[in-house]
C-alpha atoms as a PDB file:
ATOM      1  CA  GLY A   1      -0.272   0.078   0.245  1.00  0.00           C
ATOM      2  CA  ASP A   2       0.795   3.602   0.051  1.00  0.00           C
ATOM      3  CA  VAL A   3       3.019   5.391   2.590  1.00  0.00           C
ATOM      4  CA  LYS A   4       0.141   7.163   3.749  1.00  0.00           C
ATOM      5  CA  SER A   5      -1.740   4.054   4.662  1.00  0.00           C
ATOM      6  CA  VAL A   6       0.804   2.368   6.059  1.00  0.00           C
ATOM      7  CA  CYS A   7       1.225   5.339   8.478  1.00  0.00           C
ATOM      8  CA  LEU A   8      -2.356   5.253   9.306  1.00  0.00           C
ATOM      9  CA  THR A   9      -2.565   1.910  10.020  1.00  0.00           C
ATOM     10  CA  LEU A  10       0.673   2.228  12.251  1.00  0.00           C
ATOM     11  CA  PHE A  11      -1.034   5.203  14.149  1.00  0.00           C
ATOM     12  CA  LEU A  12      -4.628   3.174  14.476  1.00  0.00           C
ATOM     13  CA  LEU A  13      -2.301   0.303  16.239  1.00  0.00           C
ATOM     14  CA  ALA A  14      -1.048   2.309  18.410  1.00  0.00           C
ATOM     15  CA  LEU A  15      -3.962   3.962  19.394  1.00  0.00           C
ATOM     16  CA  ARG A  16      -5.874   0.455  20.026  1.00  0.00           C
ATOM     17  CA  ALA A  17      -2.631  -0.749  21.987  1.00  0.00           C
ATOM     18  CA  ARG A  18      -2.967   2.449  24.293  1.00  0.00           C
ATOM     19  CA  ASN A  19      -7.022   1.412  24.387  1.00  0.00           C
ATOM     20  CA  GLU A  20      -7.951   5.399  22.984  1.00  0.00           C
ATOM     21  CA  HIS A  21     -10.688   3.058  21.063  1.00  0.00           C
ATOM     22  CA  ARG A  22     -12.742   6.332  20.809  1.00  0.00           C
ATOM     23  CA  GLN A  23     -10.147   8.122  18.872  1.00  0.00           C
ATOM     24  CA  ALA A  24      -9.468   5.004  17.040  1.00  0.00           C
ATOM     25  CA  ASP A  25     -12.626   4.635  15.785  1.00  0.00           C
ATOM     26  CA  GLU A  26     -12.881   8.089  14.372  1.00  0.00           C
ATOM     27  CA  LEU A  27      -9.403   7.401  12.618  1.00  0.00           C
ATOM     28  CA  GLU A  28     -10.576   3.941  11.189  1.00  0.00           C
ATOM     29  CA  ALA A  29     -13.563   5.846   9.784  1.00  0.00           C
ATOM     30  CA  ILE A  30     -11.363   8.250   8.251  1.00  0.00           C
ATOM     31  CA  MET A  31      -9.276   5.202   6.366  1.00  0.00           C
ATOM     32  CA  GLN A  32     -12.831   3.872   5.201  1.00  0.00           C
ATOM     33  CA  GLY A  33     -13.386   6.994   3.268  1.00  0.00           C
ATOM     34  CA  ARG A  34     -16.311   8.275   5.963  1.00  0.00           C
ATOM     35  CA  GLY A  35     -15.485  11.571   7.369  1.00  0.00           C
ATOM     36  CA  SER A  36     -13.066  14.579   5.759  1.00  0.00           C
ATOM     37  CA  GLY A  37     -10.839  15.026   8.887  1.00  0.00           C
ATOM     38  CA  LEU A  38      -9.911  13.987  12.413  1.00  0.00           C
ATOM     39  CA  GLN A  39     -10.646  15.904  15.210  1.00  0.00           C
ATOM     40  CA  PRO A  40      -8.063  17.807  17.300  1.00  0.00           C
ATOM     41  CA  ALA A  41      -8.069  15.154  20.555  1.00  0.00           C
ATOM     42  CA  VAL A  42      -7.541  12.336  18.108  1.00  0.00           C
ATOM     43  CA  CYS A  43      -4.411  14.071  16.522  1.00  0.00           C
ATOM     44  CA  LEU A  44      -3.125  14.839  19.641  1.00  0.00           C
ATOM     45  CA  ALA A  45      -3.534  11.291  20.936  1.00  0.00           C
ATOM     46  CA  ILE A  46      -1.769  10.022  17.687  1.00  0.00           C
ATOM     47  CA  ARG A  47       1.098  12.423  18.468  1.00  0.00           C
ATOM     48  CA  VAL A  48       1.294  11.427  21.864  1.00  0.00           C
ATOM     49  CA  ASN A  49       0.709   7.625  21.349  1.00  0.00           C
ATOM     50  CA  THR A  50       3.546   7.942  18.701  1.00  0.00           C
ATOM     51  CA  PHE A  51       6.199  10.077  20.269  1.00  0.00           C
ATOM     52  CA  LEU A  52       6.149  12.451  17.785  1.00  0.00           C
ATOM     53  CA  SER A  53       8.015  15.750  18.651  1.00  0.00           C
ATOM     54  CA  CYS A  54       5.925  19.192  17.763  1.00  0.00           C
ATOM     55  CA  SER A  55       8.214  19.528  14.728  1.00  0.00           C
ATOM     56  CA  GLN A  56       8.071  15.793  13.638  1.00  0.00           C
ATOM     57  CA  TYR A  57       3.815  15.856  13.642  1.00  0.00           C
ATOM     58  CA  HIS A  58       4.234  19.570  11.954  1.00  0.00           C
ATOM     59  CA  LYS A  59       6.199  18.109   9.358  1.00  0.00           C
ATOM     60  CA  MET A  60       3.948  14.879   8.659  1.00  0.00           C
ATOM     61  CA  TYR A  61       0.780  17.253   9.056  1.00  0.00           C
ATOM     62  CA  ARG A  62       2.266  19.660   5.929  1.00  0.00           C
ATOM     63  CA  THR A  63       3.355  16.560   3.942  1.00  0.00           C
ATOM     64  CA  VAL A  64      -0.293  14.620   3.970  1.00  0.00           C
ATOM     65  CA  LYS A  65      -1.937  17.979   3.082  1.00  0.00           C
ATOM     66  CA  ALA A  66       0.673  18.490   0.188  1.00  0.00           C
ATOM     67  CA  ILE A  67       0.137  14.810  -1.093  1.00  0.00           C
ATOM     68  CA  THR A  68      -3.695  14.350  -0.361  1.00  0.00           C
ATOM     69  CA  GLY A  69      -4.934  17.608  -0.996  1.00  0.00           C
ATOM     70  CA  ARG A  70      -6.996  17.291   2.510  1.00  0.00           C
ATOM     71  CA  GLN A  71      -6.429  18.348   5.652  1.00  0.00           C
ATOM     72  CA  ILE A  72      -6.547  14.923   7.203  1.00  0.00           C
ATOM     73  CA  PHE A  73      -4.757  15.907  10.399  1.00  0.00           C
ATOM     74  CA  GLN A  74      -5.396  19.392  12.355  1.00  0.00           C
ATOM     75  CA  PRO A  75      -2.464  22.112  12.673  1.00  0.00           C
ATOM     76  CA  LEU A  76      -0.679  22.039  16.015  1.00  0.00           C
ATOM     77  CA  HIS A  77      -2.524  24.958  17.447  1.00  0.00           C
ATOM     78  CA  ALA A  78      -5.729  22.978  17.223  1.00  0.00           C
ATOM     79  CA  LEU A  79      -3.643  20.011  19.203  1.00  0.00           C
ATOM     80  CA  ARG A  80      -2.795  22.930  21.866  1.00  0.00           C
ATOM     81  CA  ASN A  81      -6.254  23.637  22.345  1.00  0.00           C
ATOM     82  CA  ALA A  82      -7.304  20.280  22.753  1.00  0.00           C
ATOM     83  CA  GLU A  83      -4.370  19.627  25.370  1.00  0.00           C
ATOM     84  CA  LYS A  84      -5.782  22.414  27.397  1.00  0.00           C
ATOM     85  CA  VAL A  85      -8.785  20.436  28.538  1.00  0.00           C
ATOM     86  CA  LEU A  86      -6.157  17.436  29.422  1.00  0.00           C
ATOM     87  CA  LEU A  87      -4.138  19.627  31.645  1.00  0.00           C
ATOM     88  CA  PRO A  88      -4.258  20.063  35.456  1.00  0.00           C
ATOM     89  CA  GLY A  89      -6.454  23.384  36.854  1.00  0.00           C
ATOM     90  CA  TYR A  90      -8.817  23.126  33.526  1.00  0.00           C
ATOM     91  CA  HIS A  91     -11.608  20.736  35.396  1.00  0.00           C
ATOM     92  CA  PRO A  92     -13.478  22.354  38.342  1.00  0.00           C
ATOM     93  CA  PHE A  93     -13.642  19.754  41.784  1.00  0.00           C
ATOM     94  CA  GLU A  94     -14.152  19.550  45.472  1.00  0.00           C
ATOM     95  CA  TRP A  95     -13.029  17.906  47.913  1.00  0.00           C
ATOM     96  CA  GLN A  96     -14.924  16.335  50.785  1.00  0.00           C
ATOM     97  CA  PRO A  97     -13.835  16.897  53.362  1.00  0.00           C
ATOM     98  CA  PRO A  98     -11.422  20.372  52.359  1.00  0.00           C
ATOM     99  CA  LEU A  99      -7.869  19.429  52.074  1.00  0.00           C
ATOM    100  CA  LYS A 100      -5.914  20.808  55.330  1.00  0.00           C
ATOM    101  CA  ASN A 101      -2.898  22.346  53.306  1.00  0.00           C
ATOM    102  CA  VAL A 102      -4.461  23.473  49.651  1.00  0.00           C
ATOM    103  CA  SER A 103      -6.347  26.414  48.774  1.00  0.00           C
ATOM    104  CA  SER A 104     -10.037  25.655  47.524  1.00  0.00           C
ATOM    105  CA  ARG A 105      -9.302  27.354  44.225  1.00  0.00           C
ATOM    106  CA  THR A 106      -9.169  24.682  41.278  1.00  0.00           C
ATOM    107  CA  ASP A 107      -8.523  26.766  38.652  1.00  0.00           C
ATOM    108  CA  VAL A 108      -4.348  26.519  39.016  1.00  0.00           C
ATOM    109  CA  GLY A 109      -2.338  25.523  35.970  1.00  0.00           C
ATOM    110  CA  ILE A 110       1.037  25.625  35.552  1.00  0.00           C
ATOM    111  CA  ILE A 111       2.742  27.014  38.844  1.00  0.00           C
ATOM    112  CA  ASP A 112       6.532  28.430  39.446  1.00  0.00           C
ATOM    113  CA  GLY A 113       8.157  25.759  41.166  1.00  0.00           C
ATOM    114  CA  LEU A 114      10.623  28.297  42.672  1.00  0.00           C
ATOM    115  CA  SER A 115       7.503  30.591  44.003  1.00  0.00           C
ATOM    116  CA  GLY A 116       7.898  31.132  47.498  1.00  0.00           C
ATOM    117  CA  LEU A 117      11.199  29.469  48.110  1.00  0.00           C
ATOM    118  CA  ALA A 118      14.253  31.491  49.598  1.00  0.00           C
ATOM    119  CA  SER A 119      16.786  32.530  46.756  1.00  0.00           C
ATOM    120  CA  SER A 120      19.774  30.232  48.472  1.00  0.00           C
ATOM    121  CA  VAL A 121      19.755  26.985  49.918  1.00  0.00           C
ATOM    122  CA  ASP A 122      22.731  26.031  52.348  1.00  0.00           C
ATOM    123  CA  GLU A 123      24.165  29.468  51.270  1.00  0.00           C
ATOM    124  CA  TYR A 124      24.013  28.127  47.808  1.00  0.00           C
ATOM    125  CA  PRO A 125      21.999  30.303  45.239  1.00  0.00           C
ATOM    126  CA  VAL A 126      19.046  28.520  43.608  1.00  0.00           C
ATOM    127  CA  ASP A 127      19.808  28.715  40.342  1.00  0.00           C
ATOM    128  CA  THR A 128      17.564  26.883  38.147  1.00  0.00           C
ATOM    129  CA  ILE A 129      14.108  26.752  36.488  1.00  0.00           C
ATOM    130  CA  ALA A 130      11.195  24.489  37.721  1.00  0.00           C
ATOM    131  CA  LYS A 131       7.698  24.294  36.570  1.00  0.00           C
ATOM    132  CA  ARG A 132       4.940  22.338  38.493  1.00  0.00           C
ATOM    133  CA  PHE A 133       1.261  21.253  38.957  1.00  0.00           C
ATOM    134  CA  ARG A 134      -0.746  21.625  42.166  1.00  0.00           C
ATOM    135  CA  TYR A 135      -0.528  17.830  43.570  1.00  0.00           C
ATOM    136  CA  ASP A 136      -4.377  17.154  43.924  1.00  0.00           C
ATOM    137  CA  SER A 137      -5.381  18.980  40.865  1.00  0.00           C
ATOM    138  CA  ALA A 138      -2.778  16.593  38.805  1.00  0.00           C
ATOM    139  CA  LEU A 139      -4.117  13.844  40.284  1.00  0.00           C
ATOM    140  CA  VAL A 140      -7.876  15.005  39.323  1.00  0.00           C
ATOM    141  CA  SER A 141      -6.662  15.352  35.982  1.00  0.00           C
ATOM    142  CA  ALA A 142      -5.066  12.047  35.563  1.00  0.00           C
ATOM    143  CA  LEU A 143      -8.253  10.113  36.705  1.00  0.00           C
ATOM    144  CA  MET A 144     -10.280  12.365  34.249  1.00  0.00           C
ATOM    145  CA  ASP A 145      -8.227  11.031  31.715  1.00  0.00           C
ATOM    146  CA  MET A 146      -8.757   7.744  32.901  1.00  0.00           C
ATOM    147  CA  GLU A 147     -12.739   8.085  33.311  1.00  0.00           C
ATOM    148  CA  GLU A 148     -13.600   5.617  30.517  1.00  0.00           C
ATOM    149  CA  GLU A 149     -11.420   2.370  31.895  1.00  0.00           C
ATOM    150  CA  ILE A 150     -12.851   2.994  34.880  1.00  0.00           C
ATOM    151  CA  LEU A 151     -16.038   3.053  33.967  1.00  0.00           C
ATOM    152  CA  GLU A 152     -15.231  -0.166  31.555  1.00  0.00           C
ATOM    153  CA  GLY A 153     -13.961  -1.718  34.832  1.00  0.00           C
ATOM    154  CA  MET A 154     -17.266  -0.904  36.882  1.00  0.00           C
ATOM    155  CA  ARG A 155     -19.213  -2.172  33.898  1.00  0.00           C
ATOM    156  CA  SER A 156     -17.399  -5.356  33.927  1.00  0.00           C
ATOM    157  CA  GLN A 157     -18.078  -5.974  37.851  1.00  0.00           C
ATOM    158  CA  ASP A 158     -21.824  -5.117  37.617  1.00  0.00           C
ATOM    159  CA  LEU A 159     -20.774  -1.993  39.634  1.00  0.00           C
ATOM    160  CA  ASP A 160     -22.862   0.531  37.733  1.00  0.00           C
ATOM    161  CA  ASP A 161     -25.001   1.137  41.079  1.00  0.00           C
ATOM    162  CA  TYR A 162     -21.484   2.385  42.617  1.00  0.00           C
ATOM    163  CA  LEU A 163     -20.291   5.060  40.734  1.00  0.00           C
ATOM    164  CA  ASN A 164     -20.539   7.759  43.780  1.00  0.00           C
ATOM    165  CA  GLY A 165     -17.675   5.237  45.362  1.00  0.00           C
ATOM    166  CA  PRO A 166     -15.636   5.447  47.385  1.00  0.00           C
ATOM    167  CA  PHE A 167     -12.967   5.042  45.859  1.00  0.00           C
ATOM    168  CA  THR A 168      -9.290   4.204  46.744  1.00  0.00           C
ATOM    169  CA  VAL A 169      -6.482   5.389  44.170  1.00  0.00           C
ATOM    170  CA  VAL A 170      -2.976   3.994  44.581  1.00  0.00           C
ATOM    171  CA  VAL A 171      -0.441   5.931  43.185  1.00  0.00           C
ATOM    172  CA  LYS A 172       3.486   5.225  42.844  1.00  0.00           C
ATOM    173  CA  GLU A 173       5.577   8.047  42.672  1.00  0.00           C
ATOM    174  CA  SER A 174       9.107   8.211  40.866  1.00  0.00           C
ATOM    175  CA  CYS A 175      11.799  11.307  40.757  1.00  0.00           C
ATOM    176  CA  ASP A 176      14.056  10.395  37.630  1.00  0.00           C
ATOM    177  CA  GLY A 177      17.199  12.366  36.075  1.00  0.00           C
ATOM    178  CA  MET A 178      16.517  12.719  32.365  1.00  0.00           C
ATOM    179  CA  GLY A 179      20.097  13.236  31.273  1.00  0.00           C
ATOM    180  CA  ASP A 180      21.911  15.950  29.514  1.00  0.00           C
ATOM    181  CA  VAL A 181      19.818  19.414  28.527  1.00  0.00           C
ATOM    182  CA  SER A 182      22.897  21.125  27.250  1.00  0.00           C
ATOM    183  CA  GLU A 183      21.402  22.321  23.916  1.00  0.00           C
ATOM    184  CA  LYS A 184      20.083  25.739  24.490  1.00  0.00           C
ATOM    185  CA  HIS A 185      18.710  28.255  22.215  1.00  0.00           C
ATOM    186  CA  GLY A 186      18.539  31.990  22.780  1.00  0.00           C
ATOM    187  CA  SER A 187      20.240  33.497  25.967  1.00  0.00           C
ATOM    188  CA  GLY A 188      18.510  32.701  28.769  1.00  0.00           C
ATOM    189  CA  PRO A 189      19.780  32.278  32.756  1.00  0.00           C
ATOM    190  CA  ALA A 190      22.737  30.308  33.134  1.00  0.00           C
ATOM    191  CA  VAL A 191      21.070  26.974  34.757  1.00  0.00           C
ATOM    192  CA  PRO A 192      22.179  23.555  35.353  1.00  0.00           C
ATOM    193  CA  GLU A 193      22.180  21.520  32.148  1.00  0.00           C
ATOM    194  CA  LYS A 194      20.589  18.320  33.390  1.00  0.00           C
ATOM    195  CA  ALA A 195      16.767  17.848  34.202  1.00  0.00           C
ATOM    196  CA  VAL A 196      14.954  15.871  36.794  1.00  0.00           C
ATOM    197  CA  ARG A 197      11.378  14.899  36.869  1.00  0.00           C
ATOM    198  CA  PHE A 198       9.155  14.025  39.876  1.00  0.00           C
ATOM    199  CA  SER A 199       5.804  12.526  38.355  1.00  0.00           C
ATOM    200  CA  PHE A 200       3.507   9.594  39.896  1.00  0.00           C
ATOM    201  CA  THR A 201       1.417   6.549  38.076  1.00  0.00           C
ATOM    202  CA  VAL A 202      -1.855   5.698  39.054  1.00  0.00           C
ATOM    203  CA  MET A 203      -1.462   1.851  39.525  1.00  0.00           C
ATOM    204  CA  ARG A 204      -4.949   0.806  40.608  1.00  0.00           C
ATOM    205  CA  VAL A 205      -8.466   1.948  41.660  1.00  0.00           C
ATOM    206  CA  THR A 206     -10.393   0.145  43.831  1.00  0.00           C
ATOM    207  CA  VAL A 207     -14.352   0.385  44.920  1.00  0.00           C
ATOM    208  CA  GLU A 208     -15.868  -0.260  48.110  1.00  0.00           C
ATOM    209  CA  HIS A 209     -18.424  -2.912  47.756  1.00  0.00           C
ATOM    210  CA  GLY A 210     -19.901  -3.939  51.010  1.00  0.00           C
ATOM    211  CA  SER A 211     -16.939  -5.720  53.099  1.00  0.00           C
ATOM    212  CA  GLN A 212     -14.335  -5.427  50.534  1.00  0.00           C
ATOM    213  CA  ASN A 213     -12.782  -3.149  48.195  1.00  0.00           C
ATOM    214  CA  VAL A 214     -13.220  -4.319  44.495  1.00  0.00           C
ATOM    215  CA  LYS A 215     -10.364  -3.594  41.622  1.00  0.00           C
ATOM    216  CA  VAL A 216     -11.842  -1.446  38.791  1.00  0.00           C
ATOM    217  CA  PHE A 217      -8.558  -0.530  37.072  1.00  0.00           C
ATOM    218  CA  GLU A 218      -5.477  -1.824  37.281  1.00  0.00           C
ATOM    219  CA  GLU A 219      -2.370  -0.523  35.134  1.00  0.00           C
ATOM    220  CA  THR A 220      -0.734  -3.000  32.939  1.00  0.00           C
ATOM    221  CA  LYS A 221       2.110  -1.407  31.996  1.00  0.00           C
ATOM    222  CA  PRO A 222       3.378   0.799  35.223  1.00  0.00           C
ATOM    223  CA  ASN A 223       6.827   1.790  33.823  1.00  0.00           C
ATOM    224  CA  SER A 224       5.445   3.089  30.426  1.00  0.00           C
ATOM    225  CA  GLU A 225       6.407   6.688  29.350  1.00  0.00           C
ATOM    226  CA  LEU A 226       2.684   6.736  28.570  1.00  0.00           C
ATOM    227  CA  CYS A 227       0.888   6.252  31.899  1.00  0.00           C
ATOM    228  CA  CYS A 228       3.518   8.575  33.793  1.00  0.00           C
ATOM    229  CA  LYS A 229       2.163  11.719  34.943  1.00  0.00           C
ATOM    230  CA  PRO A 230       4.424  14.540  35.400  1.00  0.00           C
ATOM    231  CA  LEU A 231       3.779  16.408  38.713  1.00  0.00           C
ATOM    232  CA  CYS A 232       7.269  18.735  38.397  1.00  0.00           C
ATOM    233  CA  LEU A 233      10.494  19.465  35.991  1.00  0.00           C
ATOM    234  CA  MET A 234      13.196  21.273  36.615  1.00  0.00           C
ATOM    235  CA  LEU A 235      16.772  21.666  35.734  1.00  0.00           C
ATOM    236  CA  ALA A 236      18.898  20.212  38.397  1.00  0.00           C
ATOM    237  CA  ASP A 237      20.948  17.371  38.915  1.00  0.00           C
ATOM    238  CA  GLU A 238      19.601  14.539  40.555  1.00  0.00           C
ATOM    239  CA  SER A 239      22.962  14.331  42.652  1.00  0.00           C
ATOM    240  CA  ASP A 240      21.926  18.163  44.241  1.00  0.00           C
ATOM    241  CA  HIS A 241      19.441  16.707  47.007  1.00  0.00           C
ATOM    242  CA  GLU A 242      19.518  20.218  48.806  1.00  0.00           C
ATOM    243  CA  THR A 243      17.668  21.975  45.725  1.00  0.00           C
ATOM    244  CA  LEU A 244      15.648  18.746  44.669  1.00  0.00           C
ATOM    245  CA  THR A 245      14.096  18.898  48.449  1.00  0.00           C
ATOM    246  CA  ALA A 246      13.548  22.740  48.314  1.00  0.00           C
ATOM    247  CA  ILE A 247      11.579  22.497  45.219  1.00  0.00           C
ATOM    248  CA  LEU A 248       9.932  19.024  46.202  1.00  0.00           C
ATOM    249  CA  SER A 249       8.884  20.331  49.428  1.00  0.00           C
ATOM    250  CA  PRO A 250       5.350  22.087  48.288  1.00  0.00           C
ATOM    251  CA  LEU A 251       4.170  19.194  46.681  1.00  0.00           C
ATOM    252  CA  ILE A 252       5.019  16.400  49.355  1.00  0.00           C
ATOM    253  CA  ALA A 253       3.096  19.118  51.677  1.00  0.00           C
ATOM    254  CA  GLU A 254       0.218  19.125  49.052  1.00  0.00           C
ATOM    255  CA  ARG A 255       0.223  15.474  49.197  1.00  0.00           C
ATOM    256  CA  GLU A 256      -0.017  15.108  52.960  1.00  0.00           C
END
């Protein structure tokens, strides 16, 4: 077959493998000649699940449009708008009872990881850049993204009457060095040339059913990048425990 058909088939397999069945169904309809173009959310799922960078996706978008004369894929700005729905801080929520160490505001997106910190740690200046999400907001966003899988797990256990829970969510946290990031563009501040990511993975979701907890979701690939939810990204050396502790302390306080 032609290159376009092969690429679309690979994208379809990637979506099916990640249980993105709604997006896969839409892609399959396009492949069968039903429909004119993919929705931005489908294009975003394709880009994420095939690990395409923004520049790689843009090249593919332009190539397919030039060859076919049709806009099957959506431009990057449409994907960015679709991505906002998936980011922490978009969906309103409420904790019962209210959390002790966290504001009741929910429309909180990306936070400056250095906000509120002293300018030095143990007399050494904090020369870094850090961005993070609020812990509870990131957790809610992750569960919203998993809604279809959780509901499917409840249906398979005939637990439709227990949609209000209570649920128990088990997460695994990880703090990983991301290696060298010394290739810089522009003239920004002097910062460490290594990056660190603090993230979590939703491992299991159970719902209380009588005297027992019934499992309605379990992550089958806990070490996959695709199920890893970033909480904080910082330019720092993973061996710099003082800086890591200072930046991550607010996150730990929010968790507790």
